[in-house]
Amino acid sequence: RNRPNVQVGDLIYGQFLVANKDMEPEMVCIDSSGRSSGMGIIGQDGF
C-alpha cells in the first residue's frame, strides 16, 4: 500500500544484492537490518 514515489529519470543510490554473469543484477536500497542507511532516491537538484 505504501509504495515509493519513483519516476522514470530519477537517480537511485543503492547496493547490489545479486551480481554475477549468469543472472540479472539486482539492487536494494536497504541494509541487512531494513534501514536505508543513506540509500534511496537522490534529490532532483544537483549535478
All heavy atoms as atom14 arrays in JSON, in Angstrom:
{
  "sequence": "RNRPNVQVGDLIYGQFLVANKDMEPEMVCIDSSGRSSGMGIIGQDGF",
  "atom14_mask": [
    [1, 1, 1, 1, 1, 1, 1, 1, 1, 1, 1, 0, 0, 0],
    [1, 1, 1, 1, 1, 1, 1, 1, 0, 0, 0, 0, 0, 0],
    [1, 1, 1, 1, 1, 1, 1, 1, 1, 1, 1, 0, 0, 0],
    [1, 1, 1, 1, 1, 1, 1, 0, 0, 0, 0, 0, 0, 0],
    [1, 1, 1, 1, 1, 1, 1, 1, 0, 0, 0, 0, 0, 0],
    [1, 1, 1, 1, 1, 1, 1, 0, 0, 0, 0, 0, 0, 0],
    [1, 1, 1, 1, 1, 1, 1, 1, 1, 0, 0, 0, 0, 0],
    [1, 1, 1, 1, 1, 1, 1, 0, 0, 0, 0, 0, 0, 0],
    [1, 1, 1, 1, 0, 0, 0, 0, 0, 0, 0, 0, 0, 0],
    [1, 1, 1, 1, 1, 1, 1, 1, 0, 0, 0, 0, 0, 0],
    [1, 1, 1, 1, 1, 1, 1, 1, 0, 0, 0, 0, 0, 0],
    [1, 1, 1, 1, 1, 1, 1, 1, 0, 0, 0, 0, 0, 0],
    [1, 1, 1, 1, 1, 1, 1, 1, 1, 1, 1, 1, 0, 0],
    [1, 1, 1, 1, 0, 0, 0, 0, 0, 0, 0, 0, 0, 0],
    [1, 1, 1, 1, 1, 1, 1, 1, 1, 0, 0, 0, 0, 0],
    [1, 1, 1, 1, 1, 1, 1, 1, 1, 1, 1, 0, 0, 0],
    [1, 1, 1, 1, 1, 1, 1, 1, 0, 0, 0, 0, 0, 0],
    [1, 1, 1, 1, 1, 1, 1, 0, 0, 0, 0, 0, 0, 0],
    [1, 1, 1, 1, 1, 0, 0, 0, 0, 0, 0, 0, 0, 0],
    [1, 1, 1, 1, 1, 1, 1, 1, 0, 0, 0, 0, 0, 0],
    [1, 1, 1, 1, 1, 1, 1, 1, 1, 0, 0, 0, 0, 0],
    [1, 1, 1, 1, 1, 1, 1, 1, 0, 0, 0, 0, 0, 0],
    [1, 1, 1, 1, 1, 1, 1, 1, 0, 0, 0, 0, 0, 0],
    [1, 1, 1, 1, 1, 1, 1, 1, 1, 0, 0, 0, 0, 0],
    [1, 1, 1, 1, 1, 1, 1, 0, 0, 0, 0, 0, 0, 0],
    [1, 1, 1, 1, 1, 1, 1, 1, 1, 0, 0, 0, 0, 0],
    [1, 1, 1, 1, 1, 1, 1, 1, 0, 0, 0, 0, 0, 0],
    [1, 1, 1, 1, 1, 1, 1, 0, 0, 0, 0, 0, 0, 0],
    [1, 1, 1, 1, 1, 1, 0, 0, 0, 0, 0, 0, 0, 0],
    [1, 1, 1, 1, 1, 1, 1, 1, 0, 0, 0, 0, 0, 0],
    [1, 1, 1, 1, 1, 1, 1, 1, 0, 0, 0, 0, 0, 0],
    [1, 1, 1, 1, 1, 1, 0, 0, 0, 0, 0, 0, 0, 0],
    [1, 1, 1, 1, 1, 1, 0, 0, 0, 0, 0, 0, 0, 0],
    [1, 1, 1, 1, 0, 0, 0, 0, 0, 0, 0, 0, 0, 0],
    [1, 1, 1, 1, 1, 1, 1, 1, 1, 1, 1, 0, 0, 0],
    [1, 1, 1, 1, 1, 1, 0, 0, 0, 0, 0, 0, 0, 0],
    [1, 1, 1, 1, 1, 1, 0, 0, 0, 0, 0, 0, 0, 0],
    [1, 1, 1, 1, 0, 0, 0, 0, 0, 0, 0, 0, 0, 0],
    [1, 1, 1, 1, 1, 1, 1, 1, 0, 0, 0, 0, 0, 0],
    [1, 1, 1, 1, 0, 0, 0, 0, 0, 0, 0, 0, 0, 0],
    [1, 1, 1, 1, 1, 1, 1, 1, 0, 0, 0, 0, 0, 0],
    [1, 1, 1, 1, 1, 1, 1, 1, 0, 0, 0, 0, 0, 0],
    [1, 1, 1, 1, 0, 0, 0, 0, 0, 0, 0, 0, 0, 0],
    [1, 1, 1, 1, 1, 1, 1, 1, 1, 0, 0, 0, 0, 0],
    [1, 1, 1, 1, 1, 1, 1, 1, 0, 0, 0, 0, 0, 0],
    [1, 1, 1, 1, 0, 0, 0, 0, 0, 0, 0, 0, 0, 0],
    [1, 1, 1, 1, 1, 1, 1, 1, 1, 1, 1, 0, 0, 0]
  ],
  "atom14_positions": [
    [[0.81, -1.21, 0.0], [0.0, 0.0, 0.0], [0.85, 1.27, 0.0], [0.46, 2.28, -0.57], [-0.92, 0.01, 1.23], [-2.0, -1.08, 1.2], [-2.96, -0.91, 2.36], [-4.04, -1.9, 2.31], [-5.03, -1.96, 3.19], [-5.06, -1.09, 4.21], [-5.97, -2.89, 3.07], [0.0, 0.0, 0.0], [0.0, 0.0, 0.0], [0.0, 0.0, 0.0]],
    [[1.98, 1.21, 0.65], [2.86, 2.38, 0.74], [4.05, 2.19, -0.2], [5.11, 1.75, 0.19], [3.34, 2.56, 2.18], [4.21, 3.8, 2.34], [4.07, 4.78, 1.6], [5.1, 3.77, 3.31], [0.0, 0.0, 0.0], [0.0, 0.0, 0.0], [0.0, 0.0, 0.0], [0.0, 0.0, 0.0], [0.0, 0.0, 0.0], [0.0, 0.0, 0.0]],
    [[3.84, 2.52, -1.46], [4.88, 2.34, -2.47], [5.73, 3.61, -2.6], [5.21, 4.71, -2.47], [4.27, 2.0, -3.82], [3.49, 0.69, -3.84], [3.26, 0.22, -5.24], [2.61, -1.08, -5.3], [2.65, -1.88, -6.34], [3.28, -1.5, -7.44], [2.04, -3.05, -6.32], [0.0, 0.0, 0.0], [0.0, 0.0, 0.0], [0.0, 0.0, 0.0]],
    [[7.01, 3.46, -2.86], [7.86, 4.64, -3.04], [7.5, 5.38, -4.33], [7.14, 4.76, -5.33], [9.27, 4.05, -3.11], [9.08, 2.65, -3.58], [7.77, 2.2, -3.0], [0.0, 0.0, 0.0], [0.0, 0.0, 0.0], [0.0, 0.0, 0.0], [0.0, 0.0, 0.0], [0.0, 0.0, 0.0], [0.0, 0.0, 0.0], [0.0, 0.0, 0.0]],
    [[7.64, 6.68, -4.3], [7.32, 7.52, -5.46], [8.55, 7.61, -6.36], [9.33, 8.55, -6.28], [6.87, 8.91, -5.0], [6.42, 9.78, -6.17], [6.1, 9.27, -7.25], [6.42, 11.08, -5.96], [0.0, 0.0, 0.0], [0.0, 0.0, 0.0], [0.0, 0.0, 0.0], [0.0, 0.0, 0.0], [0.0, 0.0, 0.0], [0.0, 0.0, 0.0]],
    [[8.71, 6.61, -7.2], [9.86, 6.54, -8.11], [9.37, 6.76, -9.53], [8.44, 6.09, -9.98], [10.58, 5.19, -7.99], [11.75, 5.12, -8.96], [11.06, 4.96, -6.57], [0.0, 0.0, 0.0], [0.0, 0.0, 0.0], [0.0, 0.0, 0.0], [0.0, 0.0, 0.0], [0.0, 0.0, 0.0], [0.0, 0.0, 0.0], [0.0, 0.0, 0.0]],
    [[9.98, 7.7, -10.23], [9.61, 8.02, -11.6], [10.77, 7.76, -12.54], [11.94, 7.71, -12.12], [9.17, 9.5, -11.7], [8.05, 9.88, -10.75], [6.75, 9.15, -11.02], [6.46, 8.78, -12.17], [5.96, 8.91, -9.98], [0.0, 0.0, 0.0], [0.0, 0.0, 0.0], [0.0, 0.0, 0.0], [0.0, 0.0, 0.0], [0.0, 0.0, 0.0]],
    [[10.45, 7.58, -13.81], [11.49, 7.4, -14.83], [12.36, 8.65, -14.9], [11.87, 9.77, -14.95], [10.86, 7.11, -16.2], [11.94, 7.04, -17.28], [10.07, 5.81, -16.17], [0.0, 0.0, 0.0], [0.0, 0.0, 0.0], [0.0, 0.0, 0.0], [0.0, 0.0, 0.0], [0.0, 0.0, 0.0], [0.0, 0.0, 0.0], [0.0, 0.0, 0.0]],
    [[13.66, 8.45, -14.85], [14.6, 9.56, -14.85], [15.17, 9.87, -13.49], [16.15, 10.63, -13.39], [0.0, 0.0, 0.0], [0.0, 0.0, 0.0], [0.0, 0.0, 0.0], [0.0, 0.0, 0.0], [0.0, 0.0, 0.0], [0.0, 0.0, 0.0], [0.0, 0.0, 0.0], [0.0, 0.0, 0.0], [0.0, 0.0, 0.0], [0.0, 0.0, 0.0]],
    [[14.59, 9.31, -12.41], [15.1, 9.56, -11.06], [16.45, 8.89, -10.87], [16.77, 7.86, -11.49], [14.12, 9.03, -10.01], [12.89, 9.9, -9.87], [12.89, 11.01, -10.42], [11.93, 9.46, -9.21], [0.0, 0.0, 0.0], [0.0, 0.0, 0.0], [0.0, 0.0, 0.0], [0.0, 0.0, 0.0], [0.0, 0.0, 0.0], [0.0, 0.0, 0.0]],
    [[17.24, 9.46, -9.99], [18.54, 8.89, -9.62], [18.36, 8.09, -8.33], [17.77, 8.57, -7.36], [19.59, 9.99, -9.41], [19.86, 10.91, -10.6], [20.9, 11.96, -10.22], [20.32, 10.11, -11.8], [0.0, 0.0, 0.0], [0.0, 0.0, 0.0], [0.0, 0.0, 0.0], [0.0, 0.0, 0.0], [0.0, 0.0, 0.0], [0.0, 0.0, 0.0]],
    [[18.88, 6.86, -8.33], [18.76, 5.97, -7.18], [20.16, 5.59, -6.71], [21.0, 5.15, -7.51], [17.98, 4.69, -7.53], [16.58, 5.05, -8.07], [17.88, 3.79, -6.3], [15.63, 5.63, -7.05], [0.0, 0.0, 0.0], [0.0, 0.0, 0.0], [0.0, 0.0, 0.0], [0.0, 0.0, 0.0], [0.0, 0.0, 0.0], [0.0, 0.0, 0.0]],
    [[20.39, 5.76, -5.41], [21.65, 5.29, -4.81], [21.34, 4.01, -4.05], [20.55, 4.0, -3.11], [22.21, 6.35, -3.87], [23.49, 5.94, -3.17], [24.65, 5.69, -3.89], [23.54, 5.8, -1.78], [25.82, 5.32, -3.26], [24.71, 5.44, -1.14], [25.85, 5.2, -1.88], [27.02, 4.83, -1.25], [0.0, 0.0, 0.0], [0.0, 0.0, 0.0]],
    [[21.92, 2.9, -4.49], [21.61, 1.62, -3.89], [22.8, 0.69, -3.89], [23.92, 1.06, -4.28], [0.0, 0.0, 0.0], [0.0, 0.0, 0.0], [0.0, 0.0, 0.0], [0.0, 0.0, 0.0], [0.0, 0.0, 0.0], [0.0, 0.0, 0.0], [0.0, 0.0, 0.0], [0.0, 0.0, 0.0], [0.0, 0.0, 0.0], [0.0, 0.0, 0.0]],
    [[22.54, -0.53, -3.46], [23.57, -1.55, -3.3], [23.19, -2.8, -4.06], [22.01, -3.17, -4.1], [23.76, -1.87, -1.81], [24.87, -2.85, -1.5], [24.99, -3.13, -0.02], [24.05, -2.86, 0.74], [26.12, -3.65, 0.41], [0.0, 0.0, 0.0], [0.0, 0.0, 0.0], [0.0, 0.0, 0.0], [0.0, 0.0, 0.0], [0.0, 0.0, 0.0]],
    [[24.19, -3.47, -4.66], [23.92, -4.7, -5.38], [23.73, -5.86, -4.4], [24.6, -6.14, -3.58], [25.06, -5.04, -6.35], [24.99, -4.28, -7.64], [25.97, -3.37, -7.98], [23.93, -4.48, -8.5], [25.91, -2.68, -9.18], [23.85, -3.78, -9.7], [24.83, -2.88, -10.03], [0.0, 0.0, 0.0], [0.0, 0.0, 0.0], [0.0, 0.0, 0.0]],
    [[22.58, -6.51, -4.51], [22.31, -7.71, -3.72], [22.69, -8.97, -4.5], [23.16, -9.95, -3.92], [20.82, -7.77, -3.34], [20.36, -8.93, -2.48], [21.0, -8.83, -1.11], [18.84, -8.95, -2.35], [0.0, 0.0, 0.0], [0.0, 0.0, 0.0], [0.0, 0.0, 0.0], [0.0, 0.0, 0.0], [0.0, 0.0, 0.0], [0.0, 0.0, 0.0]],
    [[22.47, -8.93, -5.81], [22.84, -10.03, -6.71], [23.63, -9.45, -7.87], [23.19, -8.48, -8.5], [21.6, -10.78, -7.23], [22.01, -11.84, -8.24], [20.81, -11.4, -6.09], [0.0, 0.0, 0.0], [0.0, 0.0, 0.0], [0.0, 0.0, 0.0], [0.0, 0.0, 0.0], [0.0, 0.0, 0.0], [0.0, 0.0, 0.0], [0.0, 0.0, 0.0]],
    [[24.79, -10.01, -8.13], [25.61, -9.55, -9.26], [26.55, -10.67, -9.69], [27.57, -10.92, -9.05], [26.41, -8.31, -8.86], [0.0, 0.0, 0.0], [0.0, 0.0, 0.0], [0.0, 0.0, 0.0], [0.0, 0.0, 0.0], [0.0, 0.0, 0.0], [0.0, 0.0, 0.0], [0.0, 0.0, 0.0], [0.0, 0.0, 0.0], [0.0, 0.0, 0.0]],
    [[26.19, -11.36, -10.74], [27.08, -12.36, -11.35], [26.75, -12.46, -12.83], [25.75, -11.91, -13.31], [26.96, -13.72, -10.64], [25.55, -14.27, -10.65], [24.97, -14.49, -11.71], [24.98, -14.47, -9.46], [0.0, 0.0, 0.0], [0.0, 0.0, 0.0], [0.0, 0.0, 0.0], [0.0, 0.0, 0.0], [0.0, 0.0, 0.0], [0.0, 0.0, 0.0]],
    [[27.6, -13.15, -13.56], [27.49, -13.17, -15.02], [26.29, -13.98, -15.51], [25.9, -13.85, -16.67], [28.77, -13.74, -15.64], [29.07, -15.17, -15.2], [30.36, -15.66, -15.83], [30.65, -17.11, -15.41], [31.89, -17.61, -16.02], [0.0, 0.0, 0.0], [0.0, 0.0, 0.0], [0.0, 0.0, 0.0], [0.0, 0.0, 0.0], [0.0, 0.0, 0.0]],
    [[25.71, -14.81, -14.66], [24.62, -15.68, -15.09], [23.23, -15.15, -14.72], [22.23, -15.74, -15.12], [24.79, -17.08, -14.47], [26.1, -17.73, -14.89], [26.48, -17.57, -16.07], [26.74, -18.36, -14.04], [0.0, 0.0, 0.0], [0.0, 0.0, 0.0], [0.0, 0.0, 0.0], [0.0, 0.0, 0.0], [0.0, 0.0, 0.0], [0.0, 0.0, 0.0]],
    [[23.16, -14.06, -13.96], [21.87, -13.53, -13.51], [21.81, -12.03, -13.71], [22.84, -11.35, -13.79], [21.64, -13.86, -12.03], [21.56, -15.34, -11.71], [21.33, -15.66, -9.95], [19.72, -14.9, -9.69], [0.0, 0.0, 0.0], [0.0, 0.0, 0.0], [0.0, 0.0, 0.0], [0.0, 0.0, 0.0], [0.0, 0.0, 0.0], [0.0, 0.0, 0.0]],
    [[20.59, -11.51, -13.81], [20.4, -10.08, -13.93], [20.76, -9.4, -12.61], [20.38, -9.86, -11.54], [18.93, -9.79, -14.27], [18.61, -8.31, -14.4], [17.12, -8.07, -14.6], [16.32, -8.74, -13.92], [16.77, -7.22, -15.42], [0.0, 0.0, 0.0], [0.0, 0.0, 0.0], [0.0, 0.0, 0.0], [0.0, 0.0, 0.0], [0.0, 0.0, 0.0]],
    [[21.53, -8.3, -12.66], [21.89, -7.61, -11.41], [20.64, -7.13, -10.68], [19.69, -6.65, -11.29], [22.73, -6.43, -11.89], [23.19, -6.8, -13.26], [22.13, -7.67, -13.84], [0.0, 0.0, 0.0], [0.0, 0.0, 0.0], [0.0, 0.0, 0.0], [0.0, 0.0, 0.0], [0.0, 0.0, 0.0], [0.0, 0.0, 0.0], [0.0, 0.0, 0.0]],
    [[20.66, -7.27, -9.37], [19.53, -6.86, -8.54], [20.02, -5.91, -7.46], [20.99, -6.19, -6.76], [18.87, -8.08, -7.89], [17.65, -7.75, -7.05], [17.02, -8.97, -6.43], [17.28, -10.09, -6.92], [16.26, -8.81, -5.46], [0.0, 0.0, 0.0], [0.0, 0.0, 0.0], [0.0, 0.0, 0.0], [0.0, 0.0, 0.0], [0.0, 0.0, 0.0]],
    [[19.32, -4.77, -7.32], [19.71, -3.74, -6.36], [18.68, -3.64, -5.24], [17.51, -3.97, -5.41], [19.86, -2.38, -7.05], [21.09, -2.21, -7.9], [21.12, -0.59, -8.72], [21.02, 0.5, -7.29], [0.0, 0.0, 0.0], [0.0, 0.0, 0.0], [0.0, 0.0, 0.0], [0.0, 0.0, 0.0], [0.0, 0.0, 0.0], [0.0, 0.0, 0.0]],
    [[19.14, -3.12, -4.11], [18.27, -2.82, -2.98], [18.69, -1.46, -2.41], [19.83, -1.02, -2.62], [18.35, -3.89, -1.87], [17.77, -5.21, -2.35], [19.79, -4.08, -1.39], [0.0, 0.0, 0.0], [0.0, 0.0, 0.0], [0.0, 0.0, 0.0], [0.0, 0.0, 0.0], [0.0, 0.0, 0.0], [0.0, 0.0, 0.0], [0.0, 0.0, 0.0]],
    [[17.77, -0.82, -1.7], [18.05, 0.46, -1.06], [17.92, 0.36, 0.46], [17.62, 1.34, 1.13], [17.12, 1.54, -1.59], [17.42, 1.97, -3.32], [0.0, 0.0, 0.0], [0.0, 0.0, 0.0], [0.0, 0.0, 0.0], [0.0, 0.0, 0.0], [0.0, 0.0, 0.0], [0.0, 0.0, 0.0], [0.0, 0.0, 0.0], [0.0, 0.0, 0.0]],
    [[18.13, -0.83, 0.98], [18.11, -1.07, 2.42], [19.27, -1.99, 2.78], [19.75, -2.75, 1.95], [16.77, -1.71, 2.88], [16.45, -2.94, 2.04], [15.64, -0.7, 2.86], [15.2, -3.69, 2.46], [0.0, 0.0, 0.0], [0.0, 0.0, 0.0], [0.0, 0.0, 0.0], [0.0, 0.0, 0.0], [0.0, 0.0, 0.0], [0.0, 0.0, 0.0]],
    [[19.71, -1.9, 4.05], [20.78, -2.78, 4.51], [20.19, -4.05, 5.1], [18.99, -4.31, 4.99], [21.67, -2.04, 5.51], [20.89, -1.49, 6.7], [19.74, -1.94, 6.92], [21.4, -0.62, 7.41], [0.0, 0.0, 0.0], [0.0, 0.0, 0.0], [0.0, 0.0, 0.0], [0.0, 0.0, 0.0], [0.0, 0.0, 0.0], [0.0, 0.0, 0.0]],
    [[21.01, -4.83, 5.77], [20.56, -6.11, 6.32], [19.53, -5.96, 7.42], [18.76, -6.88, 7.69], [21.77, -6.9, 6.85], [22.46, -6.15, 7.82], [0.0, 0.0, 0.0], [0.0, 0.0, 0.0], [0.0, 0.0, 0.0], [0.0, 0.0, 0.0], [0.0, 0.0, 0.0], [0.0, 0.0, 0.0], [0.0, 0.0, 0.0], [0.0, 0.0, 0.0]],
    [[19.5, -4.78, 8.07], [18.52, -4.54, 9.13], [17.27, -3.83, 8.64], [16.42, -3.46, 9.45], [19.17, -3.72, 10.26], [19.63, -2.47, 9.79], [0.0, 0.0, 0.0], [0.0, 0.0, 0.0], [0.0, 0.0, 0.0], [0.0, 0.0, 0.0], [0.0, 0.0, 0.0], [0.0, 0.0, 0.0], [0.0, 0.0, 0.0], [0.0, 0.0, 0.0]],
    [[17.16, -3.61, 7.34], [15.98, -2.96, 6.78], [16.02, -1.45, 6.79], [15.02, -0.8, 6.46], [0.0, 0.0, 0.0], [0.0, 0.0, 0.0], [0.0, 0.0, 0.0], [0.0, 0.0, 0.0], [0.0, 0.0, 0.0], [0.0, 0.0, 0.0], [0.0, 0.0, 0.0], [0.0, 0.0, 0.0], [0.0, 0.0, 0.0], [0.0, 0.0, 0.0]],
    [[17.15, -0.85, 7.14], [17.31, 0.6, 7.17], [17.87, 1.11, 5.85], [18.63, 0.41, 5.16], [18.23, 1.02, 8.31], [17.72, 0.6, 9.69], [16.49, 1.39, 10.08], [16.03, 1.06, 11.42], [14.97, 1.62, 12.0], [14.27, 2.52, 11.33], [14.62, 1.28, 13.21], [0.0, 0.0, 0.0], [0.0, 0.0, 0.0], [0.0, 0.0, 0.0]],
    [[17.55, 2.35, 5.52], [18.03, 2.91, 4.25], [19.52, 3.21, 4.29], [20.21, 3.06, 3.27], [17.25, 4.18, 3.92], [17.47, 5.18, 4.91], [0.0, 0.0, 0.0], [0.0, 0.0, 0.0], [0.0, 0.0, 0.0], [0.0, 0.0, 0.0], [0.0, 0.0, 0.0], [0.0, 0.0, 0.0], [0.0, 0.0, 0.0], [0.0, 0.0, 0.0]],
    [[20.02, 3.66, 5.44], [21.46, 3.95, 5.6], [21.97, 4.89, 4.51], [23.05, 4.7, 3.95], [22.28, 2.65, 5.61], [21.88, 1.82, 6.67], [0.0, 0.0, 0.0], [0.0, 0.0, 0.0], [0.0, 0.0, 0.0], [0.0, 0.0, 0.0], [0.0, 0.0, 0.0], [0.0, 0.0, 0.0], [0.0, 0.0, 0.0], [0.0, 0.0, 0.0]],
    [[21.18, 5.91, 4.19], [21.58, 6.89, 3.19], [21.22, 6.53, 1.76], [21.4, 7.35, 0.85], [0.0, 0.0, 0.0], [0.0, 0.0, 0.0], [0.0, 0.0, 0.0], [0.0, 0.0, 0.0], [0.0, 0.0, 0.0], [0.0, 0.0, 0.0], [0.0, 0.0, 0.0], [0.0, 0.0, 0.0], [0.0, 0.0, 0.0], [0.0, 0.0, 0.0]],
    [[20.73, 5.33, 1.54], [20.37, 4.91, 0.19], [18.93, 5.32, -0.13], [18.13, 5.57, 0.76], [20.54, 3.39, 0.05], [21.96, 2.92, 0.15], [22.16, 1.12, -0.05], [21.54, 0.55, 1.54], [0.0, 0.0, 0.0], [0.0, 0.0, 0.0], [0.0, 0.0, 0.0], [0.0, 0.0, 0.0], [0.0, 0.0, 0.0], [0.0, 0.0, 0.0]],
    [[18.61, 5.37, -1.41], [17.28, 5.74, -1.85], [17.32, 6.7, -3.02], [18.29, 6.75, -3.78], [0.0, 0.0, 0.0], [0.0, 0.0, 0.0], [0.0, 0.0, 0.0], [0.0, 0.0, 0.0], [0.0, 0.0, 0.0], [0.0, 0.0, 0.0], [0.0, 0.0, 0.0], [0.0, 0.0, 0.0], [0.0, 0.0, 0.0], [0.0, 0.0, 0.0]],
    [[16.26, 7.49, -3.15], [16.14, 8.45, -4.25], [17.0, 9.67, -3.94], [16.94, 10.23, -2.86], [14.68, 8.86, -4.46], [13.8, 7.63, -4.71], [14.57, 9.84, -5.63], [12.32, 7.93, -4.79], [0.0, 0.0, 0.0], [0.0, 0.0, 0.0], [0.0, 0.0, 0.0], [0.0, 0.0, 0.0], [0.0, 0.0, 0.0], [0.0, 0.0, 0.0]],
    [[17.81, 10.08, -4.91], [18.63, 11.28, -4.77], [17.82, 12.47, -5.23], [17.04, 12.39, -6.17], [19.93, 11.14, -5.6], [20.7, 9.9, -5.16], [20.8, 12.37, -5.46], [21.93, 9.64, -6.0], [0.0, 0.0, 0.0], [0.0, 0.0, 0.0], [0.0, 0.0, 0.0], [0.0, 0.0, 0.0], [0.0, 0.0, 0.0], [0.0, 0.0, 0.0]],
    [[18.02, 13.61, -4.57], [17.25, 14.82, -4.88], [17.35, 15.25, -6.33], [18.33, 14.95, -7.03], [0.0, 0.0, 0.0], [0.0, 0.0, 0.0], [0.0, 0.0, 0.0], [0.0, 0.0, 0.0], [0.0, 0.0, 0.0], [0.0, 0.0, 0.0], [0.0, 0.0, 0.0], [0.0, 0.0, 0.0], [0.0, 0.0, 0.0], [0.0, 0.0, 0.0]],
    [[16.34, 15.98, -6.78], [16.29, 16.44, -8.17], [17.38, 17.47, -8.46], [17.92, 17.52, -9.56], [14.91, 17.04, -8.48], [13.77, 16.04, -8.38], [13.85, 14.96, -9.45], [14.39, 15.18, -10.52], [13.3, 13.79, -9.13], [0.0, 0.0, 0.0], [0.0, 0.0, 0.0], [0.0, 0.0, 0.0], [0.0, 0.0, 0.0], [0.0, 0.0, 0.0]],
    [[17.68, 18.33, -7.48], [18.73, 19.33, -7.68], [20.09, 18.65, -7.64], [20.23, 17.51, -7.2], [18.65, 20.41, -6.61], [17.32, 21.16, -6.66], [16.73, 21.21, -7.76], [16.87, 21.65, -5.61], [0.0, 0.0, 0.0], [0.0, 0.0, 0.0], [0.0, 0.0, 0.0], [0.0, 0.0, 0.0], [0.0, 0.0, 0.0], [0.0, 0.0, 0.0]],
    [[21.1, 19.37, -8.08], [22.44, 18.82, -8.08], [22.91, 18.51, -9.49], [22.21, 18.74, -10.48], [0.0, 0.0, 0.0], [0.0, 0.0, 0.0], [0.0, 0.0, 0.0], [0.0, 0.0, 0.0], [0.0, 0.0, 0.0], [0.0, 0.0, 0.0], [0.0, 0.0, 0.0], [0.0, 0.0, 0.0], [0.0, 0.0, 0.0], [0.0, 0.0, 0.0]],
    [[24.11, 17.99, -9.57], [24.75, 17.73, -10.86], [25.33, 16.32, -10.85], [26.07, 15.95, -9.93], [25.85, 18.75, -11.11], [26.42, 18.72, -12.5], [25.82, 19.43, -13.52], [27.56, 17.98, -12.79], [26.35, 19.41, -14.81], [28.09, 17.95, -14.06], [27.48, 18.67, -15.08], [0.0, 0.0, 0.0], [0.0, 0.0, 0.0], [0.0, 0.0, 0.0]]
  ]
}
